[in-house]
Protein backbone atom coordinates (compact mmCIF):
# COMPACT_ATOMS: atom_id res chain seq x y z
CA MET A 1 0.00 -0.07 0.06
CA GLY A 2 3.10 2.40 0.59
CA SER A 3 4.42 1.64 -3.06
CA PHE A 4 4.56 3.94 -6.06
CA SER A 5 3.89 1.88 -9.40
CA PRO A 6 5.09 2.90 -12.51
CA ILE A 7 1.68 4.79 -13.56
CA HIS A 8 1.63 6.07 -9.95
CA LEU A 9 4.99 8.37 -11.17
CA LEU A 10 3.87 8.72 -14.84
CA ILE A 11 0.98 10.85 -13.41
CA LEU A 12 2.82 12.62 -10.84
CA LEU A 13 5.50 14.07 -13.17
CA LEU A 14 2.99 14.37 -15.91
CA ILE A 15 1.44 16.87 -12.95
CA VAL A 16 4.47 18.70 -12.30
CA VAL A 17 5.20 19.73 -15.70
CA LEU A 18 1.20 21.56 -16.51
CA VAL A 19 1.92 22.96 -13.16
CA PHE A 20 5.58 24.42 -13.85
CA GLY A 21 5.71 23.82 -17.51
CA THR A 22 8.83 22.73 -19.80
CA GLY A 23 10.27 26.03 -20.01
CA LYS A 24 10.44 26.34 -16.09
CA LEU A 25 11.77 23.20 -15.86
CA ARG A 26 14.60 23.12 -18.44
CA ASN A 27 15.44 26.09 -16.51
CA MET A 28 15.62 25.02 -13.20
CA GLY A 29 17.96 21.39 -14.64
CA LYS A 30 20.37 23.92 -16.44
CA ASP A 31 20.34 26.15 -12.90
CA LEU A 32 20.75 22.91 -10.67
CA GLY A 33 23.95 21.85 -13.04
CA GLY A 34 25.92 24.58 -13.08
CA ALA A 35 25.44 24.93 -9.80
CA ILE A 36 26.16 21.58 -9.12
CA LYS A 37 29.37 22.16 -11.91
CA GLY A 38 30.05 24.66 -9.50
CA PHE A 39 30.56 23.68 -6.37
CA LYS A 40 32.41 20.38 -8.04
CA ASP A 41 35.04 23.04 -9.30
CA GLY A 42 35.55 24.41 -6.10
CA ILE A 43 35.66 21.32 -4.46
CA LYS A 44 38.71 21.02 -6.81
CA ASP A 45 40.41 24.32 -6.32
CA GLY A 46 40.02 23.79 -2.86
CA SER A 47 42.13 20.72 -1.98
CA ASP A 48 45.60 21.02 -4.59
CA PRO A 49 47.82 23.14 -2.29
CA ALA A 50 49.93 23.49 -5.34
CA ALA A 51 47.46 25.87 -7.11
CA PRO A 52 49.19 28.94 -7.83
CA ALA A 53 48.56 32.06 -5.86
CA ALA A 54 48.32 34.51 -9.27
CA ALA A 55 44.74 32.15 -10.03
CA ASN A 56 42.96 34.49 -7.52
CA GLN A 57 44.13 37.85 -8.55
CA LYS A 58 41.74 40.09 -11.10
CA VAL A 59 42.67 39.64 -14.93
CA GLU A 60 42.22 41.99 -17.55
CA ASP A 61 40.19 42.42 -20.19
CA ALA A 62 43.48 42.34 -22.94
CA THR A 63 41.70 42.23 -26.27
CA ARG A 64 40.49 46.12 -25.80
CA THR A 65 42.99 49.02 -26.11
CA ALA A 66 42.59 52.67 -24.58
CA ALA A 67 41.86 54.01 -28.11
CA GLN A 68 38.81 51.26 -27.72
CA THR A 69 37.26 53.06 -24.87
CA ILE A 70 33.69 53.98 -24.90
CA ASP A 71 33.29 57.29 -22.43
CA VAL A 72 29.67 57.83 -21.20
CA ALA A 73 27.77 60.94 -19.91
CA ALA A 74 25.24 60.70 -17.03
CA ARG A 75 22.21 62.77 -17.42
CA GLU A 76 20.26 64.17 -14.31
CA LYS A 77 16.63 63.70 -14.49
CA GLY A 78 14.91 67.17 -14.75
CA GLY A 79 12.42 67.53 -11.63
CA SER A 80 8.95 68.70 -12.09
């Protein structure tokens, strides 16, 4: 009486898809996969004591030169 048959699992899956929709389930799967990958990378980086200290330093974008810098001027919003 306490076990689920395959038909119960299919009905449950159908209800979940109807409630959340396939797009939202796909996004949740991508987010969960990215979180697991980030966690594994963090564990791998933390367990390697011979890792160079330079890996944690800020890296500047070498593809952008000083001539390609974009200047932006902010405008103040006029009050009424």
